[in-house]
């Protein structure tokens, strides 16, 4: 019974690993949308209607980094962030399976 359950968990882990390997466009960070004034007096942004401005906020080596995202790049970055979120969920599931498999194997293996 234990062996069958372990085999099922290993099959599930392999399936999750396959899903994880298919996520090549991963982008870690948050896509932030805000408004910005351009500085021209005659522009409508001077009266409150700001120009859309988006960027990717990400942290590397303990520092926050902001990268401008153009309108053309918006969807690609959004997909990358979504892929990262999916990858993280898959990694958590794989970790749970590994924990159970290690506990099932006992200290001698």
PDB file of N, CA and C in Angstrom:
ATOM      1  N   UNK A   1       0.830  -1.198   0.000  1.00  0.00           N
ATOM      2  CA  UNK A   1       0.000   0.000   0.000  1.00  0.00           C
ATOM      3  C   UNK A   1       0.873   1.260   0.000  1.00  0.00           C
ATOM      4  N   UNK A   2       1.881   1.281   0.877  1.00  0.00           N
ATOM      5  CA  UNK A   2       2.794   2.421   0.958  1.00  0.00           C
ATOM      6  C   UNK A   2       3.548   2.615  -0.354  1.00  0.00           C
ATOM      7  N   UNK A   3       3.972   1.501  -0.921  1.00  0.00           N
ATOM      8  CA  UNK A   3       4.737   1.553  -2.165  1.00  0.00           C
ATOM      9  C   UNK A   3       3.904   2.139  -3.306  1.00  0.00           C
ATOM     10  N   UNK A   4       2.640   1.720  -3.382  1.00  0.00           N
ATOM     11  CA  UNK A   4       1.749   2.222  -4.427  1.00  0.00           C
ATOM     12  C   UNK A   4       1.530   3.730  -4.259  1.00  0.00           C
ATOM     13  N   UNK A   5       1.357   4.158  -3.021  1.00  0.00           N
ATOM     14  CA  UNK A   5       1.158   5.581  -2.744  1.00  0.00           C
ATOM     15  C   UNK A   5       2.410   6.370  -3.129  1.00  0.00           C
ATOM     16  N   UNK A   6       3.579   5.846  -2.819  1.00  0.00           N
ATOM     17  CA  UNK A   6       4.833   6.503  -3.184  1.00  0.00           C
ATOM     18  C   UNK A   6       4.990   6.591  -4.700  1.00  0.00           C
ATOM     19  N   UNK A   7       4.624   5.530  -5.401  1.00  0.00           N
ATOM     20  CA  UNK A   7       4.699   5.537  -6.863  1.00  0.00           C
ATOM     21  C   UNK A   7       3.775   6.590  -7.452  1.00  0.00           C
ATOM     22  N   UNK A   8       2.585   6.705  -6.871  1.00  0.00           N
ATOM     23  CA  UNK A   8       1.635   7.723  -7.329  1.00  0.00           C
ATOM     24  C   UNK A   8       2.199   9.126  -7.102  1.00  0.00           C
ATOM     25  N   UNK A   9       2.816   9.340  -5.938  1.00  0.00           N
ATOM     26  CA  UNK A   9       3.406  10.654  -5.647  1.00  0.00           C
ATOM     27  C   UNK A   9       4.558  10.947  -6.603  1.00  0.00           C
ATOM     28  N   UNK A  10       5.366   9.937  -6.925  1.00  0.00           N
ATOM     29  CA  UNK A  10       6.484  10.148  -7.848  1.00  0.00           C
ATOM     30  C   UNK A  10       5.987  10.461  -9.256  1.00  0.00           C
ATOM     31  N   UNK A  11       4.897   9.810  -9.670  1.00  0.00           N
ATOM     32  CA  UNK A  11       4.301  10.110 -10.977  1.00  0.00           C
ATOM     33  C   UNK A  11       3.765  11.538 -10.999  1.00  0.00           C
ATOM     34  N   UNK A  12       3.120  11.923  -9.916  1.00  0.00           N
ATOM     35  CA  UNK A  12       2.594  13.287  -9.814  1.00  0.00           C
ATOM     36  C   UNK A  12       3.743  14.304  -9.870  1.00  0.00           C
ATOM     37  N   UNK A  13       4.823  13.996  -9.165  1.00  0.00           N
ATOM     38  CA  UNK A  13       5.991  14.884  -9.154  1.00  0.00           C
ATOM     39  C   UNK A  13       6.573  15.025 -10.560  1.00  0.00           C
ATOM     40  N   UNK A  14       6.676  13.934 -11.301  1.00  0.00           N
ATOM     41  CA  UNK A  14       7.199  13.988 -12.671  1.00  0.00           C
ATOM     42  C   UNK A  14       6.309  14.831 -13.570  1.00  0.00           C
ATOM     43  N   UNK A  15       4.993  14.713 -13.381  1.00  0.00           N
ATOM     44  CA  UNK A  15       4.053  15.525 -14.167  1.00  0.00           C
ATOM     45  C   UNK A  15       4.255  17.009 -13.856  1.00  0.00           C
ATOM     46  N   UNK A  16       4.383  17.328 -12.567  1.00  0.00           N
ATOM     47  CA  UNK A  16       4.603  18.718 -12.168  1.00  0.00           C
ATOM     48  C   UNK A  16       5.933  19.243 -12.702  1.00  0.00           C
ATOM     49  N   UNK A  17       6.970  18.410 -12.684  1.00  0.00           N
ATOM     50  CA  UNK A  17       8.277  18.810 -13.215  1.00  0.00           C
ATOM     51  C   UNK A  17       8.173  19.104 -14.713  1.00  0.00           C
ATOM     52  N   UNK A  18       7.370  18.317 -15.422  1.00  0.00           N
ATOM     53  CA  UNK A  18       7.154  18.550 -16.848  1.00  0.00           C
ATOM     54  C   UNK A  18       6.482  19.890 -17.098  1.00  0.00           C
ATOM     55  N   UNK A  19       5.483  20.205 -16.269  1.00  0.00           N
ATOM     56  CA  UNK A  19       4.810  21.502 -16.388  1.00  0.00           C
ATOM     57  C   UNK A  19       5.791  22.637 -16.105  1.00  0.00           C
ATOM     58  N   UNK A  20       6.629  22.442 -15.105  1.00  0.00           N
ATOM     59  CA  UNK A  20       7.599  23.467 -14.726  1.00  0.00           C
ATOM     60  C   UNK A  20       8.609  23.720 -15.843  1.00  0.00           C
ATOM     61  N   UNK A  21       9.030  22.670 -16.502  1.00  0.00           N
ATOM     62  CA  UNK A  21      10.034  22.832 -17.569  1.00  0.00           C
ATOM     63  C   UNK A  21       9.478  23.575 -18.781  1.00  0.00           C
ATOM     64  N   UNK A  22       8.164  23.634 -18.909  1.00  0.00           N
ATOM     65  CA  UNK A  22       7.546  24.335 -20.028  1.00  0.00           C
ATOM     66  C   UNK A  22       7.388  25.838 -19.818  1.00  0.00           C
ATOM     67  N   UNK A  23       7.781  26.323 -18.652  1.00  0.00           N
ATOM     68  CA  UNK A  23       7.603  27.740 -18.335  1.00  0.00           C
ATOM     69  C   UNK A  23       8.899  28.512 -18.549  1.00  0.00           C
ATOM     70  N   UNK A  24       9.244  28.734 -19.792  1.00  0.00           N
ATOM     71  CA  UNK A  24      10.529  29.381 -20.090  1.00  0.00           C
ATOM     72  C   UNK A  24      10.473  30.900 -20.048  1.00  0.00           C
ATOM     73  N   UNK A  25       9.301  31.496 -20.107  1.00  0.00           N
ATOM     74  CA  UNK A  25       9.192  32.953 -20.148  1.00  0.00           C
ATOM     75  C   UNK A  25       9.006  33.602 -18.786  1.00  0.00           C
ATOM     76  N   UNK A  26       9.483  32.958 -17.746  1.00  0.00           N
ATOM     77  CA  UNK A  26       9.276  33.424 -16.374  1.00  0.00           C
ATOM     78  C   UNK A  26       9.908  34.801 -16.148  1.00  0.00           C
ATOM     79  N   UNK A  27       9.132  35.679 -15.512  1.00  0.00           N
ATOM     80  CA  UNK A  27       9.624  36.997 -15.103  1.00  0.00           C
ATOM     81  C   UNK A  27       9.202  37.190 -13.640  1.00  0.00           C
ATOM     82  N   UNK A  28      10.184  37.377 -12.759  1.00  0.00           N
ATOM     83  CA  UNK A  28       9.874  37.580 -11.347  1.00  0.00           C
ATOM     84  C   UNK A  28       9.708  39.071 -11.090  1.00  0.00           C
ATOM     85  N   UNK A  29       8.584  39.429 -10.506  1.00  0.00           N
ATOM     86  CA  UNK A  29       8.335  40.826 -10.188  1.00  0.00           C
ATOM     87  C   UNK A  29       6.854  41.136 -10.245  1.00  0.00           C
ATOM     88  N   UNK A  30       6.559  42.408 -10.148  1.00  0.00           N
ATOM     89  CA  UNK A  30       5.175  42.879 -10.212  1.00  0.00           C
ATOM     90  C   UNK A  30       5.063  43.926 -11.306  1.00  0.00           C
ATOM     91  N   UNK A  31       4.016  43.799 -12.086  1.00  0.00           N
ATOM     92  CA  UNK A  31       3.740  44.787 -13.118  1.00  0.00           C
ATOM     93  C   UNK A  31       2.916  45.898 -12.469  1.00  0.00           C
ATOM     94  N   UNK A  32       3.438  47.113 -12.490  1.00  0.00           N
ATOM     95  CA  UNK A  32       2.810  48.244 -11.808  1.00  0.00           C
ATOM     96  C   UNK A  32       2.372  49.264 -12.860  1.00  0.00           C
ATOM     97  N   UNK A  33       1.125  49.722 -12.731  1.00  0.00           N
ATOM     98  CA  UNK A  33       0.618  50.749 -13.636  1.00  0.00           C
ATOM     99  C   UNK A  33       0.293  51.986 -12.827  1.00  0.00           C
ATOM    100  N   UNK A  34       0.758  53.106 -13.313  1.00  0.00           N
ATOM    101  CA  UNK A  34       0.551  54.376 -12.621  1.00  0.00           C
ATOM    102  C   UNK A  34       0.384  55.477 -13.657  1.00  0.00           C
ATOM    103  N   UNK A  35       0.258  56.713 -13.216  1.00  0.00           N
ATOM    104  CA  UNK A  35       0.136  57.847 -14.126  1.00  0.00           C
ATOM    105  C   UNK A  35       1.307  58.791 -13.947  1.00  0.00           C
ATOM    106  N   UNK A  36       1.576  59.566 -15.006  1.00  0.00           N
ATOM    107  CA  UNK A  36       2.738  60.452 -14.977  1.00  0.00           C
ATOM    108  C   UNK A  36       2.431  61.726 -15.762  1.00  0.00           C
ATOM    109  N   UNK A  37       2.947  62.854 -15.277  1.00  0.00           N
ATOM    110  CA  UNK A  37       2.838  64.116 -16.000  1.00  0.00           C
ATOM    111  C   UNK A  37       4.014  64.238 -16.960  1.00  0.00           C
ATOM    112  N   UNK A  38       3.736  64.813 -18.130  1.00  0.00           N
ATOM    113  CA  UNK A  38       4.811  64.985 -19.113  1.00  0.00           C
ATOM    114  C   UNK A  38       5.535  66.323 -18.944  1.00  0.00           C
ATOM    115  N   UNK A  39       4.883  67.293 -18.336  1.00  0.00           N
ATOM    116  CA  UNK A  39       5.530  68.580 -18.109  1.00  0.00           C
ATOM    117  C   UNK A  39       5.092  69.685 -19.048  1.00  0.00           C
ATOM    118  N   UNK A  40       4.376  69.353 -20.121  1.00  0.00           N
ATOM    119  CA  UNK A  40       3.902  70.397 -21.042  1.00  0.00           C
ATOM    120  C   UNK A  40       2.680  71.088 -20.433  1.00  0.00           C
ATOM    121  N   UNK A  41       2.679  72.412 -20.436  1.00  0.00           N
ATOM    122  CA  UNK A  41       1.582  73.174 -19.818  1.00  0.00           C
ATOM    123  C   UNK A  41       0.247  72.967 -20.526  1.00  0.00           C
ATOM    124  N   UNK A  42       0.286  72.812 -21.856  1.00  0.00           N
ATOM    125  CA  UNK A  42      -0.958  72.686 -22.632  1.00  0.00           C
ATOM    126  C   UNK A  42      -1.527  71.249 -22.636  1.00  0.00           C
ATOM    127  N   UNK A  43      -0.806  70.304 -22.107  1.00  0.00           N
ATOM    128  CA  UNK A  43      -1.244  68.899 -22.106  1.00  0.00           C
ATOM    129  C   UNK A  43      -2.331  68.675 -21.052  1.00  0.00           C
ATOM    130  N   UNK A  44      -3.233  67.750 -21.340  1.00  0.00           N
ATOM    131  CA  UNK A  44      -4.325  67.453 -20.401  1.00  0.00           C
ATOM    132  C   UNK A  44      -3.826  66.838 -19.093  1.00  0.00           C
ATOM    133  N   UNK A  45      -2.582  66.336 -19.084  1.00  0.00           N
ATOM    134  CA  UNK A  45      -2.045  65.774 -17.841  1.00  0.00           C
ATOM    135  C   UNK A  45      -1.810  66.869 -16.799  1.00  0.00           C
ATOM    136  N   UNK A  46      -1.655  68.117 -17.238  1.00  0.00           N
ATOM    137  CA  UNK A  46      -1.466  69.210 -16.286  1.00  0.00           C
ATOM    138  C   UNK A  46      -2.736  69.516 -15.501  1.00  0.00           C
ATOM    139  N   UNK A  47      -3.891  69.079 -16.057  1.00  0.00           N
ATOM    140  CA  UNK A  47      -5.157  69.281 -15.343  1.00  0.00           C
ATOM    141  C   UNK A  47      -5.651  68.011 -14.649  1.00  0.00           C
ATOM    142  N   UNK A  48      -4.811  66.999 -14.589  1.00  0.00           N
ATOM    143  CA  UNK A  48      -5.176  65.823 -13.797  1.00  0.00           C
ATOM    144  C   UNK A  48      -5.242  64.496 -14.529  1.00  0.00           C
ATOM    145  N   UNK A  49      -5.463  64.491 -15.864  1.00  0.00           N
ATOM    146  CA  UNK A  49      -5.537  63.229 -16.595  1.00  0.00           C
ATOM    147  C   UNK A  49      -4.106  62.817 -16.959  1.00  0.00           C
ATOM    148  N   UNK A  50      -3.544  61.949 -16.139  1.00  0.00           N
ATOM    149  CA  UNK A  50      -2.139  61.569 -16.292  1.00  0.00           C
ATOM    150  C   UNK A  50      -1.930  60.572 -17.425  1.00  0.00           C
ATOM    151  N   UNK A  51      -0.740  60.574 -17.967  1.00  0.00           N
ATOM    152  CA  UNK A  51      -0.366  59.603 -18.995  1.00  0.00           C
ATOM    153  C   UNK A  51      -0.101  58.249 -18.327  1.00  0.00           C
ATOM    154  N   UNK A  52      -0.609  57.163 -18.934  1.00  0.00           N
ATOM    155  CA  UNK A  52      -0.333  55.854 -18.342  1.00  0.00           C
ATOM    156  C   UNK A  52       1.166  55.557 -18.372  1.00  0.00           C
ATOM    157  N   UNK A  53       1.618  54.986 -17.314  1.00  0.00           N
ATOM    158  CA  UNK A  53       3.039  54.647 -17.179  1.00  0.00           C
ATOM    159  C   UNK A  53       3.103  53.301 -16.473  1.00  0.00           C
ATOM    160  N   UNK A  54       3.830  52.372 -17.038  1.00  0.00           N
ATOM    161  CA  UNK A  54       3.923  51.044 -16.413  1.00  0.00           C
ATOM    162  C   UNK A  54       5.367  50.613 -16.313  1.00  0.00           C
ATOM    163  N   UNK A  55       5.603  49.829 -15.290  1.00  0.00           N
ATOM    164  CA  UNK A  55       6.945  49.312 -15.102  1.00  0.00           C
ATOM    165  C   UNK A  55       6.900  47.991 -14.355  1.00  0.00           C
ATOM    166  N   UNK A  56       7.991  47.283 -14.418  1.00  0.00           N
ATOM    167  CA  UNK A  56       8.155  46.030 -13.695  1.00  0.00           C
ATOM    168  C   UNK A  56       9.007  46.335 -12.471  1.00  0.00           C
ATOM    169  N   UNK A  57       8.493  45.980 -11.322  1.00  0.00           N
ATOM    170  CA  UNK A  57       9.237  46.146 -10.080  1.00  0.00           C
ATOM    171  C   UNK A  57       9.732  44.767  -9.658  1.00  0.00           C
ATOM    172  N   UNK A  58      11.030  44.640  -9.501  1.00  0.00           N
ATOM    173  CA  UNK A  58      11.608  43.346  -9.141  1.00  0.00           C
ATOM    174  C   UNK A  58      12.761  43.560  -8.175  1.00  0.00           C
ATOM    175  N   UNK A  59      13.055  42.561  -7.406  1.00  0.00           N
ATOM    176  CA  UNK A  59      14.161  42.650  -6.457  1.00  0.00           C
ATOM    177  C   UNK A  59      15.250  41.660  -6.813  1.00  0.00           C
ATOM    178  N   UNK A  60      16.477  42.135  -6.836  1.00  0.00           N
ATOM    179  CA  UNK A  60      17.617  41.261  -7.062  1.00  0.00           C
ATOM    180  C   UNK A  60      18.733  41.651  -6.104  1.00  0.00           C
ATOM    181  N   UNK A  61      19.336  40.661  -5.506  1.00  0.00           N
ATOM    182  CA  UNK A  61      20.456  40.864  -4.582  1.00  0.00           C
ATOM    183  C   UNK A  61      20.117  41.858  -3.476  1.00  0.00           C
ATOM    184  N   UNK A  62      18.893  41.777  -2.972  1.00  0.00           N
ATOM    185  CA  UNK A  62      18.480  42.631  -1.871  1.00  0.00           C
ATOM    186  C   UNK A  62      18.137  44.056  -2.249  1.00  0.00           C
ATOM    187  N   UNK A  63      18.141  44.367  -3.534  1.00  0.00           N
ATOM    188  CA  UNK A  63      17.821  45.724  -3.983  1.00  0.00           C
ATOM    189  C   UNK A  63      16.612  45.698  -4.911  1.00  0.00           C
ATOM    190  N   UNK A  64      15.806  46.747  -4.815  1.00  0.00           N
ATOM    191  CA  UNK A  64      14.663  46.878  -5.699  1.00  0.00           C
ATOM    192  C   UNK A  64      15.111  47.461  -7.024  1.00  0.00           C
ATOM    193  N   UNK A  65      14.563  46.935  -8.096  1.00  0.00           N
ATOM    194  CA  UNK A  65      14.899  47.410  -9.430  1.00  0.00           C
ATOM    195  C   UNK A  65      13.597  47.683 -10.173  1.00  0.00           C
ATOM    196  N   UNK A  66      13.551  48.773 -10.918  1.00  0.00           N
ATOM    197  CA  UNK A  66      12.372  49.131 -11.690  1.00  0.00           C
ATOM    198  C   UNK A  66      12.773  49.208 -13.157  1.00  0.00           C
ATOM    199  N   UNK A  67      11.989  48.541 -13.998  1.00  0.00           N
ATOM    200  CA  UNK A  67      12.254  48.508 -15.437  1.00  0.00           C
ATOM    201  C   UNK A  67      11.022  49.054 -16.155  1.00  0.00           C
ATOM    202  N   UNK A  68      11.226  50.051 -17.014  1.00  0.00           N
ATOM    203  CA  UNK A  68      10.115  50.607 -17.789  1.00  0.00           C
ATOM    204  C   UNK A  68       9.546  49.545 -18.723  1.00  0.00           C
ATOM    205  N   UNK A  69       8.222  49.518 -18.841  1.00  0.00           N
ATOM    206  CA  UNK A  69       7.535  48.570 -19.721  1.00  0.00           C
ATOM    207  C   UNK A  69       6.689  49.368 -20.709  1.00  0.00           C
ATOM    208  N   UNK A  70       6.994  49.232 -21.985  1.00  0.00           N
ATOM    209  CA  UNK A  70       6.221  49.944 -23.010  1.00  0.00           C
ATOM    210  C   UNK A  70       4.869  49.251 -23.219  1.00  0.00           C
ATOM    211  N   UNK A  71       3.991  49.934 -23.901  1.00  0.00           N
ATOM    212  CA  UNK A  71       2.670  49.362 -24.197  1.00  0.00           C
ATOM    213  C   UNK A  71       2.818  48.062 -24.996  1.00  0.00           C
ATOM    214  N   UNK A  72       3.768  48.035 -25.928  1.00  0.00           N
ATOM    215  CA  UNK A  72       4.002  46.833 -26.742  1.00  0.00           C
ATOM    216  C   UNK A  72       4.465  45.652 -25.888  1.00  0.00           C
ATOM    217  N   UNK A  73       5.229  45.949 -24.848  1.00  0.00           N
ATOM    218  CA  UNK A  73       5.797  44.894 -23.998  1.00  0.00           C
ATOM    219  C   UNK A  73       4.860  44.445 -22.876  1.00  0.00           C
ATOM    220  N   UNK A  74       3.825  45.209 -22.647  1.00  0.00           N
ATOM    221  CA  UNK A  74       2.931  44.983 -21.506  1.00  0.00           C
ATOM    222  C   UNK A  74       2.432  43.542 -21.404  1.00  0.00           C
ATOM    223  N   UNK A  75       1.879  43.005 -22.483  1.00  0.00           N
ATOM    224  CA  UNK A  75       1.315  41.657 -22.441  1.00  0.00           C
ATOM    225  C   UNK A  75       2.383  40.587 -22.224  1.00  0.00           C
ATOM    226  N   UNK A  76       3.543  40.780 -22.827  1.00  0.00           N
ATOM    227  CA  UNK A  76       4.627  39.795 -22.670  1.00  0.00           C
ATOM    228  C   UNK A  76       5.094  39.761 -21.217  1.00  0.00           C
ATOM    229  N   UNK A  77       5.259  40.952 -20.610  1.00  0.00           N
ATOM    230  CA  UNK A  77       5.658  40.994 -19.204  1.00  0.00           C
ATOM    231  C   UNK A  77       4.567  40.411 -18.310  1.00  0.00           C
ATOM    232  N   UNK A  78       3.311  40.711 -18.604  1.00  0.00           N
ATOM    233  CA  UNK A  78       2.199  40.180 -17.806  1.00  0.00           C
ATOM    234  C   UNK A  78       2.184  38.651 -17.863  1.00  0.00           C
ATOM    235  N   UNK A  79       2.419  38.094 -19.054  1.00  0.00           N
ATOM    236  CA  UNK A  79       2.478  36.631 -19.188  1.00  0.00           C
ATOM    237  C   UNK A  79       3.657  36.054 -18.411  1.00  0.00           C
ATOM    238  N   UNK A  80       4.790  36.752 -18.441  1.00  0.00           N
ATOM    239  CA  UNK A  80       5.975  36.301 -17.713  1.00  0.00           C
ATOM    240  C   UNK A  80       5.761  36.285 -16.214  1.00  0.00           C
ATOM    241  N   UNK A  81       5.092  37.308 -15.699  1.00  0.00           N
ATOM    242  CA  UNK A  81       4.789  37.371 -14.265  1.00  0.00           C
ATOM    243  C   UNK A  81       3.819  36.256 -13.888  1.00  0.00           C
ATOM    244  N   UNK A  82       2.831  36.023 -14.745  1.00  0.00           N
ATOM    245  CA  UNK A  82       1.863  34.953 -14.496  1.00  0.00           C
ATOM    246  C   UNK A  82       2.561  33.584 -14.526  1.00  0.00           C
ATOM    247  N   UNK A  83       3.505  33.418 -15.438  1.00  0.00           N
ATOM    248  CA  UNK A  83       4.269  32.163 -15.517  1.00  0.00           C
ATOM    249  C   UNK A  83       5.094  31.962 -14.249  1.00  0.00           C
ATOM    250  N   UNK A  84       5.653  33.038 -13.714  1.00  0.00           N
ATOM    251  CA  UNK A  84       6.419  32.941 -12.467  1.00  0.00           C
ATOM    252  C   UNK A  84       5.520  32.477 -11.318  1.00  0.00           C
ATOM    253  N   UNK A  85       4.329  33.049 -11.239  1.00  0.00           N
ATOM    254  CA  UNK A  85       3.384  32.665 -10.187  1.00  0.00           C
ATOM    255  C   UNK A  85       3.023  31.191 -10.302  1.00  0.00           C
ATOM    256  N   UNK A  86       2.805  30.721 -11.536  1.00  0.00           N
ATOM    257  CA  UNK A  86       2.494  29.303 -11.748  1.00  0.00           C
ATOM    258  C   UNK A  86       3.692  28.435 -11.370  1.00  0.00           C
ATOM    259  N   UNK A  87       4.895  28.866 -11.752  1.00  0.00           N
ATOM    260  CA  UNK A  87       6.110  28.109 -11.422  1.00  0.00           C
ATOM    261  C   UNK A  87       6.262  27.988  -9.908  1.00  0.00           C
ATOM    262  N   UNK A  88       6.009  29.069  -9.197  1.00  0.00           N
ATOM    263  CA  UNK A  88       6.136  29.041  -7.744  1.00  0.00           C
ATOM    264  C   UNK A  88       5.148  28.048  -7.130  1.00  0.00           C
ATOM    265  N   UNK A  89       3.916  28.033  -7.636  1.00  0.00           N
ATOM    266  CA  UNK A  89       2.921  27.072  -7.137  1.00  0.00           C
ATOM    267  C   UNK A  89       3.358  25.641  -7.417  1.00  0.00           C
ATOM    268  N   UNK A  90       3.904  25.404  -8.605  1.00  0.00           N
ATOM    269  CA  UNK A  90       4.392  24.070  -8.949  1.00  0.00           C
ATOM    270  C   UNK A  90       5.548  23.658  -8.039  1.00  0.00           C
ATOM    271  N   UNK A  91       6.473  24.575  -7.785  1.00  0.00           N
ATOM    272  CA  UNK A  91       7.609  24.281  -6.910  1.00  0.00           C
ATOM    273  C   UNK A  91       7.116  23.929  -5.504  1.00  0.00           C
ATOM    274  N   UNK A  92       6.119  24.641  -5.013  1.00  0.00           N
ATOM    275  CA  UNK A  92       5.566  24.344  -3.685  1.00  0.00           C
ATOM    276  C   UNK A  92       4.940  22.952  -3.649  1.00  0.00           C
ATOM    277  N   UNK A  93       4.234  22.576  -4.709  1.00  0.00           N
ATOM    278  CA  UNK A  93       3.624  21.246  -4.770  1.00  0.00           C
ATOM    279  C   UNK A  93       4.696  20.164  -4.829  1.00  0.00           C
ATOM    280  N   UNK A  94       5.727  20.391  -5.628  1.00  0.00           N
ATOM    281  CA  UNK A  94       6.831  19.427  -5.731  1.00  0.00           C
ATOM    282  C   UNK A  94       7.519  19.275  -4.380  1.00  0.00           C
ATOM    283  N   UNK A  95       7.715  20.378  -3.694  1.00  0.00           N
ATOM    284  CA  UNK A  95       8.336  20.350  -2.373  1.00  0.00           C
ATOM    285  C   UNK A  95       7.509  19.518  -1.399  1.00  0.00           C
ATOM    286  N   UNK A  96       6.200  19.704  -1.399  1.00  0.00           N
ATOM    287  CA  UNK A  96       5.325  18.926  -0.516  1.00  0.00           C
ATOM    288  C   UNK A  96       5.449  17.427  -0.787  1.00  0.00           C
ATOM    289  N   UNK A  97       5.474  17.063  -2.051  1.00  0.00           N
ATOM    290  CA  UNK A  97       5.628  15.649  -2.416  1.00  0.00           C
ATOM    291  C   UNK A  97       6.982  15.134  -1.940  1.00  0.00           C
ATOM    292  N   UNK A  98       8.044  15.911  -2.159  1.00  0.00           N
ATOM    293  CA  UNK A  98       9.380  15.492  -1.724  1.00  0.00           C
ATOM    294  C   UNK A  98       9.455  15.310  -0.216  1.00  0.00           C
ATOM    295  N   UNK A  99       8.823  16.194   0.524  1.00  0.00           N
ATOM    296  CA  UNK A  99       8.800  16.066   1.982  1.00  0.00           C
ATOM    297  C   UNK A  99       8.137  14.756   2.377  1.00  0.00           C
ATOM    298  N   UNK A 100       6.982  14.475   1.768  1.00  0.00           N
ATOM    299  CA  UNK A 100       6.281  13.221   2.099  1.00  0.00           C
ATOM    300  C   UNK A 100       7.104  11.999   1.725  1.00  0.00           C
ATOM    301  N   UNK A 101       7.735  12.044   0.555  1.00  0.00           N
ATOM    302  CA  UNK A 101       8.556  10.904   0.127  1.00  0.00           C
ATOM    303  C   UNK A 101       9.747  10.687   1.065  1.00  0.00           C
ATOM    304  N   UNK A 102      10.382  11.752   1.487  1.00  0.00           N
ATOM    305  CA  UNK A 102      11.513  11.631   2.416  1.00  0.00           C
ATOM    306  C   UNK A 102      11.034  11.074   3.750  1.00  0.00           C
ATOM    307  N   UNK A 103       9.902  11.565   4.253  1.00  0.00           N
ATOM    308  CA  UNK A 103       9.372  11.074   5.519  1.00  0.00           C
ATOM    309  C   UNK A 103       8.975   9.608   5.418  1.00  0.00           C
ATOM    310  N   UNK A 104       8.419   9.211   4.299  1.00  0.00           N
ATOM    311  CA  UNK A 104       8.006   7.817   4.084  1.00  0.00           C
ATOM    312  C   UNK A 104       9.226   6.885   4.037  1.00  0.00           C
ATOM    313  N   UNK A 105      10.321   7.374   3.452  1.00  0.00           N
ATOM    314  CA  UNK A 105      11.515   6.547   3.290  1.00  0.00           C
ATOM    315  C   UNK A 105      12.184   6.271   4.631  1.00  0.00           C
ATOM    316  N   UNK A 106      12.040   7.167   5.595  1.00  0.00           N
ATOM    317  CA  UNK A 106      12.667   6.978   6.892  1.00  0.00           C
ATOM    318  C   UNK A 106      14.108   7.473   6.881  1.00  0.00           C
ATOM    319  N   UNK A 107      14.754   7.440   8.052  1.00  0.00           N
ATOM    320  CA  UNK A 107      16.099   8.006   8.200  1.00  0.00           C
ATOM    321  C   UNK A 107      17.222   7.218   7.542  1.00  0.00           C
ATOM    322  N   UNK A 108      17.000   5.975   7.185  1.00  0.00           N
ATOM    323  CA  UNK A 108      18.080   5.138   6.636  1.00  0.00           C
ATOM    324  C   UNK A 108      18.263   5.268   5.138  1.00  0.00           C
ATOM    325  N   UNK A 109      17.384   5.994   4.464  1.00  0.00           N
ATOM    326  CA  UNK A 109      17.495   6.057   2.988  1.00  0.00           C
ATOM    327  C   UNK A 109      17.765   7.421   2.494  1.00  0.00           C
TER     328      UNK A 109
END
